């Protein structure tokens, strides 16, 4: 089991800020594939991975990052600021 957190427009498209997911995924990319297979709202949220950032256990990482031992994955759009 892994906690998955969604922020900003990702949360809006999926409709929930967080959920606990049972997964067999070895990497973040595999987790995304599992989520996309669930239903249309996940497909919409993960349609363009270049528009997303990911953190595993609060460390910013890439989609090929391993999930072994991870407790939390967060998806969010790139930060902008000024």
Protein backbone atom coordinates (compact mmCIF):
# COMPACT_ATOMS: atom_id res chain seq x y z
CA UNK A 1 0.00 0.00 0.00
CA UNK A 2 1.18 3.48 -0.84
CA UNK A 3 -0.33 6.90 -0.20
CA UNK A 4 -0.77 8.92 -3.39
CA UNK A 5 -1.21 12.69 -3.10
CA UNK A 6 -2.50 14.99 -5.83
CA UNK A 7 -2.03 18.76 -5.92
CA UNK A 8 -3.44 21.71 -7.91
CA UNK A 9 -5.07 20.79 -11.23
CA UNK A 10 -4.07 17.12 -10.83
CA UNK A 11 -6.30 16.99 -7.72
CA UNK A 12 -9.09 18.77 -9.58
CA UNK A 13 -9.05 16.30 -12.48
CA UNK A 14 -8.93 13.22 -10.28
CA UNK A 15 -11.37 14.59 -7.71
CA UNK A 16 -9.54 13.75 -4.50
CA UNK A 17 -6.48 15.14 -2.71
CA UNK A 18 -5.13 11.74 -1.65
CA UNK A 19 -5.81 8.03 -1.69
CA UNK A 20 -4.17 4.84 -0.54
CA UNK A 21 -3.39 2.55 -3.46
CA UNK A 22 -2.47 -1.10 -3.54
CA UNK A 23 0.16 -1.42 -6.24
CA UNK A 24 2.56 -3.90 -7.76
CA UNK A 25 4.46 -1.08 -9.50
CA UNK A 26 8.25 -1.08 -9.23
CA UNK A 27 8.62 2.52 -10.44
CA UNK A 28 6.63 5.75 -10.46
CA UNK A 29 6.00 5.29 -14.20
CA UNK A 30 4.47 1.86 -13.58
CA UNK A 31 2.26 3.36 -10.86
CA UNK A 32 1.09 6.01 -13.34
CA UNK A 33 0.25 3.23 -15.84
CA UNK A 34 -1.82 1.44 -13.17
CA UNK A 35 -3.64 4.65 -12.28
CA UNK A 36 -4.33 5.49 -15.94
CA UNK A 37 -5.90 2.06 -16.39
CA UNK A 38 -8.42 2.78 -13.61
CA UNK A 39 -10.66 5.27 -15.39
CA UNK A 40 -10.89 8.34 -17.60
CA UNK A 41 -10.21 10.96 -14.93
CA UNK A 42 -6.78 9.42 -14.25
CA UNK A 43 -6.06 9.28 -17.98
CA UNK A 44 -6.81 13.01 -18.18
CA UNK A 45 -4.65 13.86 -15.19
CA UNK A 46 -1.68 11.85 -16.46
CA UNK A 47 -2.07 12.56 -20.18
CA UNK A 48 1.11 14.68 -20.37
CA UNK A 49 3.79 13.63 -17.91
CA UNK A 50 6.04 16.48 -19.04
CA UNK A 51 3.50 18.78 -17.34
CA UNK A 52 3.93 16.99 -14.00
CA UNK A 53 6.50 16.67 -11.27
CA UNK A 54 6.69 13.82 -8.78
CA UNK A 55 8.05 13.35 -5.28
CA UNK A 56 8.61 10.03 -3.51
CA UNK A 57 8.58 10.30 0.27
CA UNK A 58 8.84 14.09 -0.13
CA UNK A 59 11.97 13.94 -2.31
CA UNK A 60 11.62 15.38 -5.81
CA UNK A 61 12.49 12.67 -8.32
CA UNK A 62 11.85 11.31 -11.83
CA UNK A 63 9.17 8.99 -13.15
CA UNK A 64 11.69 6.16 -13.39
CA UNK A 65 12.33 6.33 -9.63
CA UNK A 66 11.92 3.03 -7.75
CA UNK A 67 9.01 2.62 -5.34
CA UNK A 68 10.58 -0.09 -3.20
CA UNK A 69 10.00 0.86 0.41
CA UNK A 70 8.22 4.10 -0.50
CA UNK A 71 5.27 5.19 1.62
CA UNK A 72 4.12 8.26 -0.31
CA UNK A 73 4.07 9.54 -3.90
CA UNK A 74 2.94 13.06 -4.73
CA UNK A 75 2.03 14.45 -8.15
CA UNK A 76 1.92 18.19 -8.85
CA UNK A 77 2.47 20.69 -11.66
CA UNK A 78 5.83 22.47 -11.91
CA UNK A 79 6.23 25.32 -9.50
CA UNK A 80 6.28 28.84 -10.87
CA UNK A 81 7.05 31.91 -8.94
CA UNK A 82 8.37 35.38 -8.97
